[in-house]
Amino acid sequence: MAPGILLEILREAIKTILIMVAPILGFSLLVGLTVSIFQAMTQIQEQTLAFVPKIVAVLLVLFLLGGWIMDLAVEFTARLWSEGLVPF
């Protein structure tokens, strides 16, 4: 396999991964920021308070966008197979 083809595959894989995780990370960041502002306003400094809403938010986003994320992964894999870029 030529180095140019391998670099193209890696570039597409990284781009696909970033597109798949961006909504999850963005929503988790938004929830974390909201909880941090709430903690600062109420002066509650409980460390575990930030984790539960983030976990719930990530699970909710995965539940809502899981099909879309899976479609992206399947599309990328099918494109690799159809172009004959996977050796097995």
Protein backbone atom coordinates (compact mmCIF):
# COMPACT_ATOMS: atom_id res chain seq x y z
CA MET A 1 0.00 0.00 0.00
CA ALA A 2 1.42 3.36 -1.01
CA PRO A 3 2.11 5.90 1.76
CA GLY A 4 -0.15 8.44 0.06
CA ILE A 5 -3.12 6.08 0.16
CA LEU A 6 -2.46 5.21 3.79
CA LEU A 7 -2.28 8.88 4.73
CA GLU A 8 -5.55 9.53 2.89
CA ILE A 9 -7.25 6.69 4.79
CA LEU A 10 -5.93 8.01 8.11
CA ARG A 11 -7.06 11.55 7.27
CA GLU A 12 -10.56 10.35 6.40
CA ALA A 13 -10.69 8.17 9.53
CA ILE A 14 -9.71 11.05 11.81
CA LYS A 15 -12.21 13.35 10.08
CA THR A 16 -14.98 10.77 10.48
CA ILE A 17 -14.15 10.20 14.14
CA LEU A 18 -14.19 13.93 14.87
CA ILE A 19 -17.56 14.31 13.16
CA MET A 20 -18.95 11.37 15.15
CA VAL A 21 -17.80 12.58 18.58
CA ALA A 22 -18.35 16.33 18.14
CA PRO A 23 -22.02 16.34 19.23
CA ILE A 24 -21.26 14.18 22.26
CA LEU A 25 -18.32 16.30 23.38
CA GLY A 26 -20.12 19.56 22.65
CA PHE A 27 -23.20 18.63 24.63
CA SER A 28 -21.08 17.30 27.49
CA LEU A 29 -19.11 20.54 27.52
CA LEU A 30 -22.32 22.58 27.60
CA VAL A 31 -23.73 20.54 30.50
CA GLY A 32 -20.43 20.74 32.38
CA LEU A 33 -20.32 24.50 31.95
CA THR A 34 -23.91 24.83 33.14
CA VAL A 35 -23.23 22.71 36.22
CA SER A 36 -20.04 24.68 36.95
CA ILE A 37 -21.94 27.98 36.76
CA PHE A 38 -24.62 26.53 39.04
CA GLN A 39 -21.97 25.38 41.52
CA ALA A 40 -20.29 28.78 41.47
CA MET A 41 -23.59 30.60 42.04
CA THR A 42 -24.68 28.36 44.91
CA GLN A 43 -21.17 27.78 46.29
CA ILE A 44 -21.73 24.04 46.29
CA GLN A 45 -18.30 22.48 45.78
CA GLU A 46 -19.26 18.83 45.52
CA GLN A 47 -16.89 17.13 43.06
CA THR A 48 -19.30 14.36 42.06
CA LEU A 49 -22.11 16.77 41.19
CA ALA A 50 -20.59 17.47 37.76
CA PHE A 51 -20.29 13.81 36.72
CA VAL A 52 -23.89 12.61 36.96
CA PRO A 53 -25.40 15.27 34.65
CA LYS A 54 -22.58 14.75 32.14
CA ILE A 55 -23.12 10.98 32.10
CA VAL A 56 -26.86 11.46 31.64
CA ALA A 57 -26.23 14.01 28.85
CA VAL A 58 -23.81 11.70 27.03
CA LEU A 59 -26.22 8.77 27.27
CA LEU A 60 -29.08 10.96 26.02
CA VAL A 61 -27.04 12.17 23.04
CA LEU A 62 -25.97 8.60 22.26
CA PHE A 63 -29.59 7.49 22.44
CA LEU A 64 -30.74 10.30 20.15
CA LEU A 65 -27.82 10.32 17.67
CA GLY A 66 -26.63 6.72 17.93
CA GLY A 67 -28.18 5.74 14.60
CA TRP A 68 -26.57 8.67 12.81
CA ILE A 69 -23.18 7.89 14.37
CA MET A 70 -23.50 4.25 13.35
CA ASP A 71 -24.46 5.27 9.81
CA LEU A 72 -21.30 7.38 9.54
CA ALA A 73 -19.13 4.50 10.75
CA VAL A 74 -20.78 2.00 8.41
CA GLU A 75 -20.52 4.41 5.47
CA PHE A 76 -16.81 4.93 6.09
CA THR A 77 -16.18 1.19 6.39
CA ALA A 78 -18.23 0.42 3.28
CA ARG A 79 -16.29 3.06 1.35
CA LEU A 80 -13.01 1.40 2.37
CA TRP A 81 -14.28 -2.01 1.30
CA SER A 82 -15.74 -0.79 -1.99
CA GLU A 83 -12.54 0.99 -2.98
CA GLY A 84 -10.52 -2.13 -2.18
CA LEU A 85 -8.43 -0.34 0.43
CA VAL A 86 -8.87 -3.02 3.10
CA PRO A 87 -6.54 -5.94 2.38
CA PHE A 88 -8.79 -8.69 3.80
